């Protein structure tokens, strides 16, 4: 099942690398482990595109956003 998740996530990330929302929506709309596939796709697209490429609808009301951004900033210094 992990291979399927990774395969679909990679496909969606490459196919929709310029549109975070379309990539996530494509990843979760299949007959498999869609929550994991969506999470992996979101991580890949976020790493490829960066924070500013993610639509605000995915970031608004995000729990612990200040912690997430702090960790991200700290990691970018490595």
C-alpha atoms as a PDB file:
ATOM      1  CA  UNK A   1       0.000   0.000   0.000  1.00  0.00           C
ATOM      2  CA  UNK A   2       2.921   2.384   0.663  1.00  0.00           C
ATOM      3  CA  UNK A   3       4.101   1.973  -2.922  1.00  0.00           C
ATOM      4  CA  UNK A   4       0.670   2.995  -4.203  1.00  0.00           C
ATOM      5  CA  UNK A   5       0.602   6.048  -1.941  1.00  0.00           C
ATOM      6  CA  UNK A   6       4.035   7.171  -3.083  1.00  0.00           C
ATOM      7  CA  UNK A   7       3.302   6.472  -6.737  1.00  0.00           C
ATOM      8  CA  UNK A   8       0.060   8.450  -6.758  1.00  0.00           C
ATOM      9  CA  UNK A   9       1.604  11.266  -4.715  1.00  0.00           C
ATOM     10  CA  UNK A  10       4.535  11.563  -7.117  1.00  0.00           C
ATOM     11  CA  UNK A  11       2.244  11.519 -10.130  1.00  0.00           C
ATOM     12  CA  UNK A  12      -0.034  14.214  -8.676  1.00  0.00           C
ATOM     13  CA  UNK A  13       2.943  16.312  -7.595  1.00  0.00           C
ATOM     14  CA  UNK A  14       4.551  16.209 -11.025  1.00  0.00           C
ATOM     15  CA  UNK A  15       1.287  16.599 -12.941  1.00  0.00           C
ATOM     16  CA  UNK A  16       0.138  19.593 -10.858  1.00  0.00           C
ATOM     17  CA  UNK A  17       3.443  21.074  -9.734  1.00  0.00           C
ATOM     18  CA  UNK A  18       2.189  24.555 -10.630  1.00  0.00           C
ATOM     19  CA  UNK A  19      -1.157  24.220  -8.824  1.00  0.00           C
ATOM     20  CA  UNK A  20      -1.072  23.040  -5.206  1.00  0.00           C
ATOM     21  CA  UNK A  21      -4.864  22.807  -4.875  1.00  0.00           C
ATOM     22  CA  UNK A  22      -5.328  20.700  -8.007  1.00  0.00           C
ATOM     23  CA  UNK A  23      -2.549  18.376  -6.881  1.00  0.00           C
ATOM     24  CA  UNK A  24      -4.096  17.798  -3.463  1.00  0.00           C
ATOM     25  CA  UNK A  25      -7.590  17.348  -4.879  1.00  0.00           C
ATOM     26  CA  UNK A  26      -6.347  14.821  -7.437  1.00  0.00           C
ATOM     27  CA  UNK A  27      -4.436  12.943  -4.739  1.00  0.00           C
ATOM     28  CA  UNK A  28      -7.402  12.467  -2.426  1.00  0.00           C
ATOM     29  CA  UNK A  29      -9.952  11.590  -5.119  1.00  0.00           C
ATOM     30  CA  UNK A  30      -9.032   7.978  -5.762  1.00  0.00           C
ATOM     31  CA  UNK A  31     -10.092   4.591  -4.402  1.00  0.00           C
ATOM     32  CA  UNK A  32      -7.186   4.058  -2.069  1.00  0.00           C
ATOM     33  CA  UNK A  33      -5.559   5.402   1.041  1.00  0.00           C
ATOM     34  CA  UNK A  34      -6.479   8.939   0.076  1.00  0.00           C
ATOM     35  CA  UNK A  35      -5.665  10.658   3.375  1.00  0.00           C
ATOM     36  CA  UNK A  36      -2.085   9.390   3.285  1.00  0.00           C
ATOM     37  CA  UNK A  37      -1.780  10.142  -0.410  1.00  0.00           C
ATOM     38  CA  UNK A  38      -3.012  13.688   0.171  1.00  0.00           C
ATOM     39  CA  UNK A  39      -0.550  14.195   3.010  1.00  0.00           C
ATOM     40  CA  UNK A  40       2.415  12.918   1.002  1.00  0.00           C
ATOM     41  CA  UNK A  41       1.380  14.972  -2.028  1.00  0.00           C
ATOM     42  CA  UNK A  42       1.053  18.081   0.136  1.00  0.00           C
ATOM     43  CA  UNK A  43       4.531  17.566   1.532  1.00  0.00           C
ATOM     44  CA  UNK A  44       6.053  17.078  -1.904  1.00  0.00           C
ATOM     45  CA  UNK A  45       4.245  20.028  -3.474  1.00  0.00           C
ATOM     46  CA  UNK A  46       5.068  22.224  -0.498  1.00  0.00           C
ATOM     47  CA  UNK A  47       8.745  21.358  -0.787  1.00  0.00           C
ATOM     48  CA  UNK A  48       8.743  21.977  -4.540  1.00  0.00           C
ATOM     49  CA  UNK A  49       6.668  25.148  -4.576  1.00  0.00           C
ATOM     50  CA  UNK A  50       7.244  26.803  -1.228  1.00  0.00           C
ATOM     51  CA  UNK A  51       4.897  28.380   1.271  1.00  0.00           C
ATOM     52  CA  UNK A  52       3.732  31.262  -0.916  1.00  0.00           C
ATOM     53  CA  UNK A  53       2.520  28.936  -3.672  1.00  0.00           C
ATOM     54  CA  UNK A  54       0.032  27.299  -1.288  1.00  0.00           C
ATOM     55  CA  UNK A  55      -3.425  28.895  -1.486  1.00  0.00           C
ATOM     56  CA  UNK A  56      -4.560  30.642   1.685  1.00  0.00           C
ATOM     57  CA  UNK A  57      -7.558  28.306   1.987  1.00  0.00           C
ATOM     58  CA  UNK A  58      -5.084  25.567   2.979  1.00  0.00           C
ATOM     59  CA  UNK A  59      -3.268  27.819   5.467  1.00  0.00           C
ATOM     60  CA  UNK A  60      -6.112  29.779   7.076  1.00  0.00           C
ATOM     61  CA  UNK A  61      -7.013  28.456  10.508  1.00  0.00           C
ATOM     62  CA  UNK A  62      -4.136  25.989  10.394  1.00  0.00           C
ATOM     63  CA  UNK A  63      -3.417  24.774  13.882  1.00  0.00           C
ATOM     64  CA  UNK A  64       0.083  25.601  15.193  1.00  0.00           C
ATOM     65  CA  UNK A  65       0.969  27.665  12.107  1.00  0.00           C
ATOM     66  CA  UNK A  66       3.451  29.725  14.129  1.00  0.00           C
ATOM     67  CA  UNK A  67       5.306  26.578  15.221  1.00  0.00           C
ATOM     68  CA  UNK A  68       5.287  25.143  11.689  1.00  0.00           C
ATOM     69  CA  UNK A  69       6.717  28.359  10.231  1.00  0.00           C
ATOM     70  CA  UNK A  70       9.365  28.563  12.979  1.00  0.00           C
ATOM     71  CA  UNK A  71      10.532  24.996  12.329  1.00  0.00           C
ATOM     72  CA  UNK A  72      10.545  25.664   8.586  1.00  0.00           C
ATOM     73  CA  UNK A  73      12.646  28.794   9.045  1.00  0.00           C
ATOM     74  CA  UNK A  74      15.049  26.943  11.327  1.00  0.00           C
ATOM     75  CA  UNK A  75      15.427  24.133   8.776  1.00  0.00           C
ATOM     76  CA  UNK A  76      16.173  26.544   5.954  1.00  0.00           C
ATOM     77  CA  UNK A  77      19.299  27.631   7.809  1.00  0.00           C
ATOM     78  CA  UNK A  78      20.787  24.130   7.686  1.00  0.00           C
END
